[in-house]
N, C-alpha and C. Protein backbone atom coordinates (compact mmCIF):
# COMPACT_ATOMS: atom_id res chain seq x y z
N UNK A 1 118.90 32.81 107.33
CA UNK A 1 117.66 33.85 106.44
C UNK A 1 118.97 34.92 105.91
N UNK A 2 118.67 35.16 104.50
CA UNK A 2 119.63 36.03 103.70
C UNK A 2 118.96 36.92 103.08
N UNK A 3 118.34 38.24 103.53
CA UNK A 3 118.41 39.16 103.47
C UNK A 3 118.75 40.80 102.04
N UNK A 4 117.61 40.82 102.26
CA UNK A 4 117.67 42.44 101.06
C UNK A 4 118.09 43.22 101.32
N UNK A 5 119.48 44.11 101.15
CA UNK A 5 118.87 45.70 102.34
C UNK A 5 118.81 45.93 101.47
N UNK A 6 118.34 47.50 101.49
CA UNK A 6 117.43 48.70 100.92
C UNK A 6 118.84 49.99 100.63
N UNK A 7 119.38 49.99 99.76
CA UNK A 7 120.47 51.30 99.77
C UNK A 7 119.95 52.73 98.01
N UNK A 8 120.58 53.16 99.63
CA UNK A 8 120.25 54.68 97.76
C UNK A 8 121.17 54.90 97.07
N UNK A 9 122.20 55.04 95.72
CA UNK A 9 122.99 54.57 94.68
C UNK A 9 123.49 56.68 95.05
N UNK A 10 124.29 56.80 95.03
CA UNK A 10 125.24 57.98 95.58
C UNK A 10 125.74 58.41 94.31
N UNK A 11 127.02 57.42 93.63
CA UNK A 11 128.15 57.24 92.71
C UNK A 11 127.93 56.16 91.86
N UNK A 12 128.00 56.50 90.36
CA UNK A 12 128.27 55.06 89.88
C UNK A 12 129.72 54.90 90.06
N UNK A 13 130.88 54.13 88.80
CA UNK A 13 132.23 53.89 88.53
C UNK A 13 132.16 52.57 88.20
N UNK A 14 133.10 52.75 87.30
CA UNK A 14 134.16 51.14 86.77
C UNK A 14 134.68 50.66 87.83
N UNK A 15 134.82 49.62 87.79
CA UNK A 15 136.81 49.37 88.26
C UNK A 15 136.52 47.76 87.54
N UNK A 16 137.74 47.58 87.57
CA UNK A 16 138.65 46.67 86.52
C UNK A 16 136.74 45.95 85.44
N UNK A 17 136.94 47.36 84.12
CA UNK A 17 136.07 47.04 83.58
C UNK A 17 134.11 45.85 83.82
N UNK A 18 134.17 46.62 85.87
CA UNK A 18 132.62 45.81 86.45
C UNK A 18 132.02 47.04 86.86
N UNK A 19 131.01 46.70 86.70
CA UNK A 19 129.62 48.77 86.96
C UNK A 19 129.91 47.71 88.81
N UNK A 20 130.29 49.28 88.90
CA UNK A 20 130.31 49.31 90.61
C UNK A 20 129.99 50.74 91.46
N UNK A 21 129.21 51.00 93.08
CA UNK A 21 128.37 51.63 93.34
C UNK A 21 129.02 52.62 94.76
N UNK A 22 128.58 53.16 95.50
CA UNK A 22 128.43 53.48 96.34
C UNK A 22 127.01 53.42 97.01
N UNK A 23 126.65 53.07 97.03
CA UNK A 23 125.81 53.37 98.06
C UNK A 23 125.88 53.01 99.68
N UNK A 24 124.30 54.11 99.92
CA UNK A 24 124.70 54.78 101.40
C UNK A 24 122.96 53.57 101.60
N UNK A 25 123.59 53.55 102.81
CA UNK A 25 121.99 52.86 103.87
C UNK A 25 122.18 53.22 104.92
N UNK A 26 121.78 54.08 104.33
CA UNK A 26 120.59 54.99 106.29
C UNK A 26 122.36 55.59 107.41
N UNK A 27 122.79 56.15 106.31
CA UNK A 27 124.35 56.84 106.81
C UNK A 27 125.49 55.52 106.60
N UNK A 28 125.64 54.60 106.28
CA UNK A 28 126.43 53.58 106.18
C UNK A 28 126.48 52.95 104.63
N UNK A 29 127.99 53.22 104.61
CA UNK A 29 128.30 53.59 102.79
C UNK A 29 129.41 52.14 102.18
N UNK A 30 128.63 51.43 101.89
CA UNK A 30 129.19 50.43 101.15
C UNK A 30 129.19 50.66 99.54
N UNK A 31 130.64 49.91 99.55
CA UNK A 31 130.96 49.13 98.24
C UNK A 31 129.48 48.19 97.33
N UNK A 32 128.61 48.69 96.58
CA UNK A 32 128.44 47.40 95.19
C UNK A 32 128.97 47.08 94.64
N UNK A 33 128.16 45.88 94.25
CA UNK A 33 128.42 45.69 92.23
C UNK A 33 127.10 46.07 91.60
N UNK A 34 127.41 46.74 90.26
CA UNK A 34 125.20 47.41 90.22
C UNK A 34 126.03 45.84 88.99
N UNK A 35 125.97 45.61 88.40
CA UNK A 35 125.80 44.53 87.48
C UNK A 35 124.87 44.15 86.78
N UNK A 36 123.76 44.05 87.65
CA UNK A 36 122.53 42.63 87.80
C UNK A 36 121.84 44.33 87.01
N UNK A 37 121.93 45.61 88.34
CA UNK A 37 121.06 46.58 87.64
C UNK A 37 122.01 47.92 86.81
N UNK A 38 122.11 47.49 85.73
CA UNK A 38 123.19 48.27 84.69
C UNK A 38 122.53 50.17 84.27
N UNK A 39 121.02 49.63 84.86
CA UNK A 39 120.61 51.04 83.37
C UNK A 39 120.05 52.21 85.47
N UNK A 40 121.23 51.50 86.31
CA UNK A 40 120.72 52.42 87.44
C UNK A 40 120.84 53.19 87.38
N UNK A 41 120.91 54.32 88.13
CA UNK A 41 121.54 56.24 87.78
C UNK A 41 122.22 56.66 90.10
N UNK A 42 122.95 57.84 90.61
CA UNK A 42 122.64 58.25 91.36
C UNK A 42 121.64 58.66 92.32
N UNK A 43 120.77 58.46 93.24
CA UNK A 43 119.72 59.17 94.06
C UNK A 43 118.73 57.43 93.38
N UNK A 44 118.81 56.52 93.20
CA UNK A 44 118.02 55.51 93.29
C UNK A 44 117.53 54.96 93.99
N UNK A 45 117.29 53.53 94.08
CA UNK A 45 117.31 52.81 95.39
C UNK A 45 117.53 51.44 94.69
N UNK A 46 118.55 50.62 95.33
CA UNK A 46 118.67 48.87 94.52
C UNK A 46 118.59 48.16 95.98
N UNK A 47 118.38 47.42 95.37
CA UNK A 47 117.33 46.03 97.13
C UNK A 47 119.73 45.12 96.95
N UNK A 48 119.94 45.27 97.94
CA UNK A 48 121.36 44.96 98.02
C UNK A 48 121.64 43.04 98.54
N UNK A 49 122.81 42.74 98.09
CA UNK A 49 122.66 41.09 99.15
C UNK A 49 123.94 40.50 98.84
N UNK A 50 124.35 40.99 100.19
CA UNK A 50 125.79 40.50 99.88
C UNK A 50 126.90 41.05 98.79
N UNK A 51 126.86 42.69 98.47
CA UNK A 51 127.95 42.67 97.96
C UNK A 51 126.76 43.69 96.42
N UNK A 52 126.25 42.42 96.32
CA UNK A 52 125.61 42.81 95.21
C UNK A 52 123.80 43.87 94.66
N UNK A 53 124.12 44.81 94.01
CA UNK A 53 122.06 45.12 93.96
C UNK A 53 121.75 43.73 93.09
N UNK A 54 120.97 43.62 93.08
CA UNK A 54 119.83 42.92 92.79
C UNK A 54 119.36 43.47 91.96
N UNK A 55 118.09 44.26 92.85
CA UNK A 55 117.17 44.78 92.17
C UNK A 55 117.19 46.95 92.24
N UNK A 56 115.49 47.44 91.24
CA UNK A 56 116.00 48.50 92.01
C UNK A 56 114.79 48.92 92.43
N UNK A 57 114.60 49.50 93.35
CA UNK A 57 113.59 49.68 93.60
C UNK A 57 112.72 51.17 93.91
N UNK A 58 111.95 51.74 94.15
CA UNK A 58 111.59 53.14 94.49
C UNK A 58 111.60 53.15 95.97
N UNK A 59 111.84 54.70 96.57
CA UNK A 59 112.24 55.11 97.62
C UNK A 59 111.05 55.13 98.77
N UNK A 60 109.53 54.53 98.34
CA UNK A 60 109.62 54.38 99.23
C UNK A 60 108.91 53.08 99.84
N UNK A 61 109.49 52.14 98.88
CA UNK A 61 109.47 51.10 99.52
C UNK A 61 111.30 50.73 99.29
N UNK A 62 111.68 51.10 99.37
CA UNK A 62 113.33 51.03 100.60
C UNK A 62 112.77 51.83 101.83
N UNK A 63 112.02 52.58 101.96
CA UNK A 63 111.83 53.13 103.86
C UNK A 63 111.38 51.81 104.41
N UNK A 64 109.87 50.83 103.40
CA UNK A 64 109.18 50.07 104.50
C UNK A 64 110.29 48.95 104.81
N UNK A 65 111.29 48.45 104.30
CA UNK A 65 112.07 47.26 103.56
C UNK A 65 112.64 47.52 105.19
N UNK A 66 113.62 48.95 104.99
CA UNK A 66 114.09 49.27 106.33
C UNK A 66 114.17 49.22 107.01
N UNK A 67 112.79 50.47 107.35
CA UNK A 67 112.44 50.44 109.00
C UNK A 67 111.44 49.41 108.98
N UNK A 68 111.24 47.85 108.16
CA UNK A 68 111.08 46.49 108.72
C UNK A 68 111.79 45.08 109.42
N UNK A 69 112.62 45.46 108.46
CA UNK A 69 113.90 45.31 108.48
C UNK A 69 115.44 45.60 110.64
N UNK A 70 115.05 46.73 110.38
CA UNK A 70 115.61 47.86 111.77
C UNK A 70 114.49 47.02 113.14
N UNK A 71 113.30 47.15 112.49
CA UNK A 71 112.00 47.01 113.98
C UNK A 71 112.94 44.95 114.22
N UNK A 72 113.43 44.28 113.46
CA UNK A 72 113.47 42.93 113.68
C UNK A 72 114.97 42.70 113.52
N UNK A 73 115.76 44.13 114.09
CA UNK A 73 117.07 44.49 114.11
C UNK A 73 117.66 43.59 113.40
N UNK A 74 117.74 43.54 112.37
CA UNK A 74 118.57 42.98 111.21
C UNK A 74 118.96 43.30 109.93
N UNK A 75 119.51 44.09 110.82
CA UNK A 75 120.51 45.57 109.89
C UNK A 75 121.91 45.48 110.65
N UNK A 76 122.73 44.32 111.57
CA UNK A 76 123.92 44.31 112.06
C UNK A 76 125.12 44.41 111.15
N UNK A 77 124.80 43.55 110.33
CA UNK A 77 126.49 43.83 109.55
C UNK A 77 126.06 44.84 108.37
N UNK A 78 125.20 46.40 108.84
CA UNK A 78 125.40 47.37 108.35
C UNK A 78 126.41 48.28 109.83
N UNK A 79 126.44 47.52 110.78
CA UNK A 79 127.20 48.60 112.10
C UNK A 79 128.69 48.17 111.67
N UNK A 80 129.50 49.11 111.99
CA UNK A 80 131.22 49.11 112.40
C UNK A 80 131.39 47.91 113.43
N UNK A 81 132.58 47.40 112.82
CA UNK A 81 133.42 47.13 113.87
C UNK A 81 133.99 47.73 115.29
N UNK A 82 133.50 47.49 116.54
CA UNK A 82 134.33 48.58 117.46
C UNK A 82 135.37 47.91 118.17
N UNK A 83 136.33 48.88 118.12
CA UNK A 83 137.39 48.05 118.57
C UNK A 83 137.27 47.83 120.16
N UNK A 84 138.10 47.05 120.05
CA UNK A 84 138.20 46.26 121.31
C UNK A 84 139.52 47.46 123.30
N UNK A 85 139.46 46.36 124.14
CA UNK A 85 140.23 47.61 124.96
C UNK A 85 141.53 47.39 124.73
N UNK A 86 142.09 47.24 124.08
CA UNK A 86 143.53 47.44 123.35
C UNK A 86 143.40 48.70 122.10
N UNK A 87 142.31 48.96 121.85
CA UNK A 87 141.82 49.85 119.79
C UNK A 87 142.05 49.06 119.23
N UNK A 88 142.00 47.28 118.81
CA UNK A 88 141.72 46.96 118.16
C UNK A 88 140.60 46.85 117.27
N UNK A 89 140.00 47.06 115.91
CA UNK A 89 139.14 46.82 115.58
C UNK A 89 139.03 45.50 115.22
N UNK A 90 137.62 44.05 116.17
CA UNK A 90 137.50 42.83 115.72
C UNK A 90 136.48 42.41 115.12
N UNK A 91 136.82 40.99 114.48
CA UNK A 91 135.99 40.77 112.46
C UNK A 91 134.46 40.37 113.84
């Protein structure tokens, strides 16, 4: 199943002439391409799929989607990898 995860735009910037952003997914920040939503501003919410923001959404909708995904235990990709017993990060 493919899921879009809601996140809050923390900042926007250009990288190699591509609009990018730092997106906060309830405490986990990731780098996301914003080319499909060039009008988005810091503080707004976007729906992200595989590193691309696909649409802007309001804060209320973002909260509902995030709560639903959390309830369905579908937020694994936002978890940081844990070190193994040798202290190495496993992918």
